[in-house]
PDB file of N, CA and C in Angstrom:
ATOM      1  N   MET A   1     -61.332 -71.047 -60.243  1.00  0.00           N
ATOM      2  CA  MET A   1     -60.280 -70.656 -61.160  1.00  0.00           C
ATOM      3  C   MET A   1     -59.791 -69.258 -60.819  1.00  0.00           C
ATOM      4  N   ASN A   2     -58.515 -69.069 -60.910  1.00  0.00           N
ATOM      5  CA  ASN A   2     -57.957 -67.755 -60.674  1.00  0.00           C
ATOM      6  C   ASN A   2     -57.870 -67.006 -61.990  1.00  0.00           C
ATOM      7  N   PRO A   3     -58.540 -65.852 -62.090  1.00  0.00           N
ATOM      8  CA  PRO A   3     -58.462 -65.111 -63.347  1.00  0.00           C
ATOM      9  C   PRO A   3     -57.102 -64.446 -63.508  1.00  0.00           C
ATOM     10  N   ASP A   4     -56.621 -64.408 -64.734  1.00  0.00           N
ATOM     11  CA  ASP A   4     -55.378 -63.728 -65.073  1.00  0.00           C
ATOM     12  C   ASP A   4     -55.763 -62.529 -65.924  1.00  0.00           C
ATOM     13  N   HIS A   5     -55.841 -61.366 -65.288  1.00  0.00           N
ATOM     14  CA  HIS A   5     -56.241 -60.149 -65.989  1.00  0.00           C
ATOM     15  C   HIS A   5     -55.059 -59.591 -66.774  1.00  0.00           C
ATOM     16  N   GLY A   6     -55.379 -58.783 -67.739  1.00  0.00           N
ATOM     17  CA  GLY A   6     -54.354 -57.988 -68.381  1.00  0.00           C
ATOM     18  C   GLY A   6     -53.826 -58.514 -69.689  1.00  0.00           C
ATOM     19  N   GLU A   7     -54.317 -59.614 -70.200  1.00  0.00           N
ATOM     20  CA  GLU A   7     -53.896 -60.060 -71.517  1.00  0.00           C
ATOM     21  C   GLU A   7     -54.482 -59.096 -72.536  1.00  0.00           C
ATOM     22  N   ARG A   8     -53.665 -58.457 -73.280  1.00  0.00           N
ATOM     23  CA  ARG A   8     -54.144 -57.534 -74.309  1.00  0.00           C
ATOM     24  C   ARG A   8     -54.387 -58.317 -75.595  1.00  0.00           C
ATOM     25  N   GLY A   9     -55.297 -57.832 -76.410  1.00  0.00           N
ATOM     26  CA  GLY A   9     -55.629 -58.517 -77.645  1.00  0.00           C
ATOM     27  C   GLY A   9     -54.414 -58.842 -78.487  1.00  0.00           C
ATOM     28  N   SER A  10     -53.541 -57.863 -78.690  1.00  0.00           N
ATOM     29  CA  SER A  10     -52.365 -58.106 -79.526  1.00  0.00           C
ATOM     30  C   SER A  10     -51.364 -59.022 -78.828  1.00  0.00           C
ATOM     31  N   GLU A  11     -51.240 -58.914 -77.497  1.00  0.00           N
ATOM     32  CA  GLU A  11     -50.330 -59.785 -76.763  1.00  0.00           C
ATOM     33  C   GLU A  11     -50.800 -61.231 -76.827  1.00  0.00           C
ATOM     34  N   SER A  12     -52.109 -61.437 -76.694  1.00  0.00           N
ATOM     35  CA  SER A  12     -52.666 -62.784 -76.764  1.00  0.00           C
ATOM     36  C   SER A  12     -52.435 -63.390 -78.136  1.00  0.00           C
ATOM     37  N   ALA A  13     -52.601 -62.581 -79.172  1.00  0.00           N
ATOM     38  CA  ALA A  13     -52.416 -63.071 -80.537  1.00  0.00           C
ATOM     39  C   ALA A  13     -50.963 -63.455 -80.784  1.00  0.00           C
ATOM     40  N   ARG A  14     -50.025 -62.712 -80.210  1.00  0.00           N
ATOM     41  CA  ARG A  14     -48.606 -63.025 -80.407  1.00  0.00           C
ATOM     42  C   ARG A  14     -48.171 -64.251 -79.618  1.00  0.00           C
ATOM     43  N   ASP A  15     -48.819 -64.518 -78.490  1.00  0.00           N
ATOM     44  CA  ASP A  15     -48.400 -65.633 -77.635  1.00  0.00           C
ATOM     45  C   ASP A  15     -49.577 -66.544 -77.300  1.00  0.00           C
ATOM     46  N   ILE A  16     -50.280 -66.984 -78.316  1.00  0.00           N
ATOM     47  CA  ILE A  16     -51.448 -67.831 -78.077  1.00  0.00           C
ATOM     48  C   ILE A  16     -51.052 -69.129 -77.388  1.00  0.00           C
ATOM     49  N   HIS A  17     -49.859 -69.658 -77.678  1.00  0.00           N
ATOM     50  CA  HIS A  17     -49.409 -70.890 -77.026  1.00  0.00           C
ATOM     51  C   HIS A  17     -49.226 -70.668 -75.530  1.00  0.00           C
ATOM     52  N   GLY A  18     -48.700 -69.502 -75.168  1.00  0.00           N
ATOM     53  CA  GLY A  18     -48.541 -69.169 -73.754  1.00  0.00           C
ATOM     54  C   GLY A  18     -49.878 -69.032 -73.056  1.00  0.00           C
ATOM     55  N   VAL A  19     -50.829 -68.402 -73.733  1.00  0.00           N
ATOM     56  CA  VAL A  19     -52.179 -68.239 -73.174  1.00  0.00           C
ATOM     57  C   VAL A  19     -52.819 -69.616 -72.988  1.00  0.00           C
ATOM     58  N   LEU A  20     -52.725 -70.473 -74.005  1.00  0.00           N
ATOM     59  CA  LEU A  20     -53.318 -71.807 -73.905  1.00  0.00           C
ATOM     60  C   LEU A  20     -52.641 -72.643 -72.820  1.00  0.00           C
ATOM     61  N   ALA A  21     -51.349 -72.468 -72.629  1.00  0.00           N
ATOM     62  CA  ALA A  21     -50.658 -73.184 -71.551  1.00  0.00           C
ATOM     63  C   ALA A  21     -51.220 -72.771 -70.195  1.00  0.00           C
ATOM     64  N   LYS A  22     -51.486 -71.477 -70.016  1.00  0.00           N
ATOM     65  CA  LYS A  22     -52.094 -70.999 -68.771  1.00  0.00           C
ATOM     66  C   LYS A  22     -53.473 -71.624 -68.581  1.00  0.00           C
ATOM     67  N   VAL A  23     -54.258 -71.655 -69.645  1.00  0.00           N
ATOM     68  CA  VAL A  23     -55.617 -72.198 -69.571  1.00  0.00           C
ATOM     69  C   VAL A  23     -55.565 -73.677 -69.200  1.00  0.00           C
ATOM     70  N   GLN A  24     -54.627 -74.413 -69.783  1.00  0.00           N
ATOM     71  CA  GLN A  24     -54.496 -75.833 -69.468  1.00  0.00           C
ATOM     72  C   GLN A  24     -54.099 -76.056 -68.013  1.00  0.00           C
ATOM     73  N   GLU A  25     -53.463 -75.074 -67.402  1.00  0.00           N
ATOM     74  CA  GLU A  25     -53.098 -75.163 -65.986  1.00  0.00           C
ATOM     75  C   GLU A  25     -54.267 -74.776 -65.083  1.00  0.00           C
ATOM     76  N   GLY A  26     -55.388 -74.375 -65.691  1.00  0.00           N
ATOM     77  CA  GLY A  26     -56.562 -74.030 -64.914  1.00  0.00           C
ATOM     78  C   GLY A  26     -56.759 -72.542 -64.699  1.00  0.00           C
ATOM     79  N   VAL A  27     -55.933 -71.714 -65.337  1.00  0.00           N
ATOM     80  CA  VAL A  27     -56.067 -70.266 -65.194  1.00  0.00           C
ATOM     81  C   VAL A  27     -57.127 -69.760 -66.165  1.00  0.00           C
ATOM     82  N   GLU A  28     -57.977 -68.896 -65.693  1.00  0.00           N
ATOM     83  CA  GLU A  28     -58.982 -68.246 -66.527  1.00  0.00           C
ATOM     84  C   GLU A  28     -58.366 -66.941 -67.033  1.00  0.00           C
ATOM     85  N   VAL A  29     -58.204 -66.813 -68.336  1.00  0.00           N
ATOM     86  CA  VAL A  29     -57.538 -65.649 -68.922  1.00  0.00           C
ATOM     87  C   VAL A  29     -58.594 -64.668 -69.434  1.00  0.00           C
ATOM     88  N   ILE A  30     -58.508 -63.442 -68.962  1.00  0.00           N
ATOM     89  CA  ILE A  30     -59.415 -62.390 -69.414  1.00  0.00           C
ATOM     90  C   ILE A  30     -58.673 -61.544 -70.433  1.00  0.00           C
ATOM     91  N   VAL A  31     -59.193 -61.514 -71.647  1.00  0.00           N
ATOM     92  CA  VAL A  31     -58.570 -60.756 -72.731  1.00  0.00           C
ATOM     93  C   VAL A  31     -59.173 -59.355 -72.733  1.00  0.00           C
ATOM     94  N   GLU A  32     -58.300 -58.365 -72.749  1.00  0.00           N
ATOM     95  CA  GLU A  32     -58.758 -56.978 -72.735  1.00  0.00           C
ATOM     96  C   GLU A  32     -58.340 -56.264 -74.010  1.00  0.00           C
ATOM     97  N   GLN A  33     -59.148 -55.291 -74.395  1.00  0.00           N
ATOM     98  CA  GLN A  33     -58.820 -54.406 -75.505  1.00  0.00           C
ATOM     99  C   GLN A  33     -59.186 -53.001 -75.047  1.00  0.00           C
ATOM    100  N   ASP A  34     -58.244 -52.091 -75.165  1.00  0.00           N
ATOM    101  CA  ASP A  34     -58.447 -50.725 -74.679  1.00  0.00           C
ATOM    102  C   ASP A  34     -58.859 -50.721 -73.203  1.00  0.00           C
ATOM    103  N   HIS A  35     -58.216 -51.583 -72.431  1.00  0.00           N
ATOM    104  CA  HIS A  35     -58.431 -51.690 -70.982  1.00  0.00           C
ATOM    105  C   HIS A  35     -59.845 -52.132 -70.607  1.00  0.00           C
ATOM    106  N   ARG A  36     -60.544 -52.771 -71.541  1.00  0.00           N
ATOM    107  CA  ARG A  36     -61.877 -53.295 -71.251  1.00  0.00           C
ATOM    108  C   ARG A  36     -61.887 -54.792 -71.556  1.00  0.00           C
ATOM    109  N   PRO A  37     -62.480 -55.595 -70.674  1.00  0.00           N
ATOM    110  CA  PRO A  37     -62.551 -57.036 -70.946  1.00  0.00           C
ATOM    111  C   PRO A  37     -63.455 -57.318 -72.143  1.00  0.00           C
ATOM    112  N   VAL A  38     -62.952 -58.122 -73.067  1.00  0.00           N
ATOM    113  CA  VAL A  38     -63.740 -58.467 -74.252  1.00  0.00           C
ATOM    114  C   VAL A  38     -63.964 -59.977 -74.385  1.00  0.00           C
ATOM    115  N   ALA A  39     -63.169 -60.775 -73.672  1.00  0.00           N
ATOM    116  CA  ALA A  39     -63.328 -62.224 -73.773  1.00  0.00           C
ATOM    117  C   ALA A  39     -62.711 -62.901 -72.563  1.00  0.00           C
ATOM    118  N   VAL A  40     -63.209 -64.083 -72.279  1.00  0.00           N
ATOM    119  CA  VAL A  40     -62.657 -64.919 -71.221  1.00  0.00           C
ATOM    120  C   VAL A  40     -62.306 -66.253 -71.858  1.00  0.00           C
ATOM    121  N   ILE A  41     -61.082 -66.693 -71.637  1.00  0.00           N
ATOM    122  CA  ILE A  41     -60.644 -67.993 -72.152  1.00  0.00           C
ATOM    123  C   ILE A  41     -60.439 -68.893 -70.950  1.00  0.00           C
ATOM    124  N   LYS A  42     -61.159 -70.023 -70.945  1.00  0.00           N
ATOM    125  CA  LYS A  42     -61.045 -70.967 -69.833  1.00  0.00           C
ATOM    126  C   LYS A  42     -61.246 -72.374 -70.359  1.00  0.00           C
ATOM    127  N   THR A  43     -60.904 -73.356 -69.541  1.00  0.00           N
ATOM    128  CA  THR A  43     -61.059 -74.743 -69.966  1.00  0.00           C
ATOM    129  C   THR A  43     -62.540 -75.045 -70.167  1.00  0.00           C
ATOM    130  N   SER A  44     -62.817 -75.868 -71.144  1.00  0.00           N
ATOM    131  CA  SER A  44     -64.203 -76.237 -71.406  1.00  0.00           C
ATOM    132  C   SER A  44     -64.646 -77.285 -70.388  1.00  0.00           C
ATOM    133  N   GLN A  45     -65.941 -77.306 -70.151  1.00  0.00           N
ATOM    134  CA  GLN A  45     -66.512 -78.281 -69.242  1.00  0.00           C
ATOM    135  C   GLN A  45     -66.649 -79.607 -69.963  1.00  0.00           C
ATOM    136  N   ARG A  46     -66.138 -80.639 -69.353  1.00  0.00           N
ATOM    137  CA  ARG A  46     -66.242 -81.970 -69.929  1.00  0.00           C
ATOM    138  C   ARG A  46     -67.667 -82.478 -69.730  1.00  0.00           C
ATOM    139  N   THR A  47     -68.222 -83.088 -70.758  1.00  0.00           N
ATOM    140  CA  THR A  47     -69.546 -83.686 -70.637  1.00  0.00           C
ATOM    141  C   THR A  47     -69.425 -85.193 -70.772  1.00  0.00           C
ATOM    142  N   GLY A  48     -70.369 -85.865 -70.217  1.00  0.00           N
ATOM    143  CA  GLY A  48     -70.370 -87.319 -70.335  1.00  0.00           C
ATOM    144  C   GLY A  48     -69.465 -87.975 -69.313  1.00  0.00           C
ATOM    145  N   ARG A  49     -69.228 -89.248 -69.522  1.00  0.00           N
ATOM    146  CA  ARG A  49     -68.438 -90.043 -68.590  1.00  0.00           C
ATOM    147  C   ARG A  49     -67.397 -90.814 -69.395  1.00  0.00           C
ATOM    148  N   LEU A  50     -66.191 -90.907 -68.871  1.00  0.00           N
ATOM    149  CA  LEU A  50     -65.158 -91.699 -69.527  1.00  0.00           C
ATOM    150  C   LEU A  50     -65.542 -93.178 -69.487  1.00  0.00           C
ATOM    151  N   LEU A  51     -65.094 -93.934 -70.464  1.00  0.00           N
ATOM    152  CA  LEU A  51     -65.367 -95.360 -70.498  1.00  0.00           C
ATOM    153  C   LEU A  51     -64.827 -96.030 -69.241  1.00  0.00           C
ATOM    154  N   SER A  52     -63.636 -95.629 -68.814  1.00  0.00           N
ATOM    155  CA  SER A  52     -63.044 -96.217 -67.608  1.00  0.00           C
ATOM    156  C   SER A  52     -63.919 -95.953 -66.378  1.00  0.00           C
ATOM    157  N   GLU A  53     -64.544 -94.768 -66.323  1.00  0.00           N
ATOM    158  CA  GLU A  53     -65.452 -94.458 -65.222  1.00  0.00           C
ATOM    159  C   GLU A  53     -66.694 -95.340 -65.287  1.00  0.00           C
ATOM    160  N   SER A  54     -67.197 -95.573 -66.491  1.00  0.00           N
ATOM    161  CA  SER A  54     -68.375 -96.422 -66.662  1.00  0.00           C
ATOM    162  C   SER A  54     -68.084 -97.860 -66.239  1.00  0.00           C
ATOM    163  N   ILE A  55     -66.911 -98.343 -66.609  1.00  0.00           N
ATOM    164  CA  ILE A  55     -66.528 -99.713 -66.239  1.00  0.00           C
ATOM    165  C   ILE A  55     -66.378 -99.820 -64.725  1.00  0.00           C
ATOM    166  N   ALA A  56     -65.734 -98.834 -64.110  1.00  0.00           N
ATOM    167  CA  ALA A  56     -65.558 -98.851 -62.651  1.00  0.00           C
ATOM    168  C   ALA A  56     -66.910 -98.811 -61.946  1.00  0.00           C
ATOM    169  N   LEU A  57     -67.833 -98.015 -62.465  1.00  0.00           N
ATOM    170  CA  LEU A  57     -69.167 -97.925 -61.883  1.00  0.00           C
ATOM    171  C   LEU A  57     -69.901 -99.262 -62.000  1.00  0.00           C
ATOM    172  N   ALA A  58     -69.795 -99.900 -63.158  1.00  0.00           N
ATOM    173  CA  ALA A  58     -70.434-101.211 -63.348  1.00  0.00           C
ATOM    174  C   ALA A  58     -69.841-102.238 -62.389  1.00  0.00           C
ATOM    175  N   GLU A  59     -68.518-102.223 -62.228  1.00  0.00           N
ATOM    176  CA  GLU A  59     -67.872-103.167 -61.309  1.00  0.00           C
ATOM    177  C   GLU A  59     -68.293-102.899 -59.865  1.00  0.00           C
ATOM    178  N   ALA A  60     -68.405-101.626 -59.495  1.00  0.00           N
ATOM    179  CA  ALA A  60     -68.806-101.277 -58.130  1.00  0.00           C
ATOM    180  C   ALA A  60     -70.230-101.741 -57.842  1.00  0.00           C
ATOM    181  N   ARG A  61     -71.051-101.802 -58.874  1.00  0.00           N
ATOM    182  CA  ARG A  61     -72.440-102.251 -58.714  1.00  0.00           C
ATOM    183  C   ARG A  61     -72.593-103.749 -58.958  1.00  0.00           C
ATOM    184  N   SER A  62     -71.468-104.443 -59.094  1.00  0.00           N
ATOM    185  CA  SER A  62     -71.456-105.892 -59.351  1.00  0.00           C
ATOM    186  C   SER A  62     -72.298-106.248 -60.575  1.00  0.00           C
ATOM    187  N   SER A  63     -72.185-105.429 -61.607  1.00  0.00           N
ATOM    188  CA  SER A  63     -72.936-105.661 -62.837  1.00  0.00           C
ATOM    189  C   SER A  63     -72.461-106.928 -63.528  1.00  0.00           C
ATOM    190  N   THR A  64     -73.387-107.635 -64.125  1.00  0.00           N
ATOM    191  CA  THR A  64     -73.053-108.843 -64.882  1.00  0.00           C
ATOM    192  C   THR A  64     -73.161-108.601 -66.381  1.00  0.00           C
ATOM    193  N   VAL A  65     -73.179-107.350 -66.782  1.00  0.00           N
ATOM    194  CA  VAL A  65     -73.290-106.997 -68.195  1.00  0.00           C
ATOM    195  C   VAL A  65     -72.045-107.481 -68.944  1.00  0.00           C
ATOM    196  N   ALA A  66     -72.262-108.077 -70.094  1.00  0.00           N
ATOM    197  CA  ALA A  66     -71.164-108.517 -70.954  1.00  0.00           C
ATOM    198  C   ALA A  66     -71.209-107.694 -72.232  1.00  0.00           C
ATOM    199  N   LEU A  67     -70.062-107.196 -72.657  1.00  0.00           N
ATOM    200  CA  LEU A  67     -69.988-106.397 -73.881  1.00  0.00           C
ATOM    201  C   LEU A  67     -70.030-107.337 -75.078  1.00  0.00           C
ATOM    202  N   ASP A  68     -70.900-107.016 -76.050  1.00  0.00           N
ATOM    203  CA  ASP A  68     -71.023-107.871 -77.216  1.00  0.00           C
ATOM    204  C   ASP A  68     -69.948-107.554 -78.255  1.00  0.00           C
ATOM    205  N   ASP A  69     -69.947-108.335 -79.334  1.00  0.00           N
ATOM    206  CA  ASP A  69     -68.918-108.190 -80.368  1.00  0.00           C
ATOM    207  C   ASP A  69     -68.954-106.833 -81.060  1.00  0.00           C
ATOM    208  N   GLY A  70     -70.100-106.187 -81.113  1.00  0.00           N
ATOM    209  CA  GLY A  70     -70.205-104.906 -81.800  1.00  0.00           C
ATOM    210  C   GLY A  70     -69.864-103.702 -80.934  1.00  0.00           C
ATOM    211  N   PHE A  71     -69.518-103.945 -79.670  1.00  0.00           N
ATOM    212  CA  PHE A  71     -69.274-102.831 -78.757  1.00  0.00           C
ATOM    213  C   PHE A  71     -68.144-101.920 -79.243  1.00  0.00           C
ATOM    214  N   MET A  72     -67.008-102.502 -79.588  1.00  0.00           N
ATOM    215  CA  MET A  72     -65.856-101.688 -80.003  1.00  0.00           C
ATOM    216  C   MET A  72     -66.168-100.939 -81.292  1.00  0.00           C
ATOM    217  N   LYS A  73     -66.928-101.563 -82.176  1.00  0.00           N
ATOM    218  CA  LYS A  73     -67.338-100.880 -83.407  1.00  0.00           C
ATOM    219  C   LYS A  73     -68.183 -99.654 -83.070  1.00  0.00           C
ATOM    220  N   ASP A  74     -69.101 -99.809 -82.122  1.00  0.00           N
ATOM    221  CA  ASP A  74     -69.937 -98.683 -81.698  1.00  0.00           C
ATOM    222  C   ASP A  74     -69.099 -97.567 -81.082  1.00  0.00           C
ATOM    223  N   VAL A  75     -68.113 -97.938 -80.284  1.00  0.00           N
ATOM    224  CA  VAL A  75     -67.227 -96.947 -79.665  1.00  0.00           C
ATOM    225  C   VAL A  75     -66.455 -96.193 -80.748  1.00  0.00           C
ATOM    226  N   ASP A  76     -65.889 -96.934 -81.697  1.00  0.00           N
ATOM    227  CA  ASP A  76     -65.132 -96.302 -82.785  1.00  0.00           C
ATOM    228  C   ASP A  76     -66.011 -95.356 -83.601  1.00  0.00           C
ATOM    229  N   GLU A  77     -67.243 -95.771 -83.892  1.00  0.00           N
ATOM    230  CA  GLU A  77     -68.159 -94.911 -84.654  1.00  0.00           C
ATOM    231  C   GLU A  77     -68.514 -93.649 -83.861  1.00  0.00           C
ATOM    232  N   GLY A  78     -68.701 -93.812 -82.558  1.00  0.00           N
ATOM    233  CA  GLY A  78     -68.993 -92.651 -81.708  1.00  0.00           C
ATOM    234  C   GLY A  78     -67.855 -91.655 -81.676  1.00  0.00           C
ATOM    235  N   ILE A  79     -66.642 -92.171 -81.571  1.00  0.00           N
ATOM    236  CA  ILE A  79     -65.463 -91.291 -81.569  1.00  0.00           C
ATOM    237  C   ILE A  79     -65.341 -90.596 -82.917  1.00  0.00           C
ATOM    238  N   ALA A  80     -65.521 -91.339 -83.993  1.00  0.00           N
ATOM    239  CA  ALA A  80     -65.403 -90.755 -85.339  1.00  0.00           C
ATOM    240  C   ALA A  80     -66.460 -89.670 -85.553  1.00  0.00           C
ATOM    241  N   SER A  81     -67.675 -89.903 -85.089  1.00  0.00           N
ATOM    242  CA  SER A  81     -68.725 -88.909 -85.313  1.00  0.00           C
ATOM    243  C   SER A  81     -68.492 -87.638 -84.504  1.00  0.00           C
ATOM    244  N   ARG A  82     -67.863 -87.751 -83.349  1.00  0.00           N
ATOM    245  CA  ARG A  82     -67.557 -86.570 -82.525  1.00  0.00           C
ATOM    246  C   ARG A  82     -66.349 -85.815 -83.064  1.00  0.00           C
ATOM    247  N   SER A  83     -65.557 -86.484 -83.876  1.00  0.00           N
ATOM    248  CA  SER A  83     -64.353 -85.861 -84.425  1.00  0.00           C
ATOM    249  C   SER A  83     -64.634 -85.066 -85.693  1.00  0.00           C
ATOM    250  N   LEU A  84     -65.824 -85.232 -86.254  1.00  0.00           N
ATOM    251  CA  LEU A  84     -66.162 -84.531 -87.487  1.00  0.00           C
ATOM    252  C   LEU A  84     -66.471 -83.062 -87.200  1.00  0.00           C
ATOM    253  N   PRO A  85     -66.026 -82.163 -88.082  1.00  0.00           N
ATOM    254  CA  PRO A  85     -66.371 -80.764 -87.872  1.00  0.00           C
ATOM    255  C   PRO A  85     -67.871 -80.549 -88.045  1.00  0.00           C
ATOM    256  N   THR A  86     -68.398 -79.596 -87.292  1.00  0.00           N
ATOM    257  CA  THR A  86     -69.838 -79.324 -87.379  1.00  0.00           C
ATOM    258  C   THR A  86     -70.118 -78.155 -88.272  1.00  0.00           C
TER     259      THR A  86
END
């Protein structure tokens, strides 16, 4: 990631959408206050595997696994539980 130095605390607060747009493009933004770095804003690391990746992996391994009737319910419950504030 290429760091983008020089975002001042007040500038970042006024243009948070601009800062987030940079982060979404893969830029690591270093927030400074009084010419000292106080924070780094960067994209979060994704954990786990996408369902599409899991299906592709199963197909590549010639898996004969069949999804049961409760599979989609389990997926929906998993998504709902991750969406709840902690």
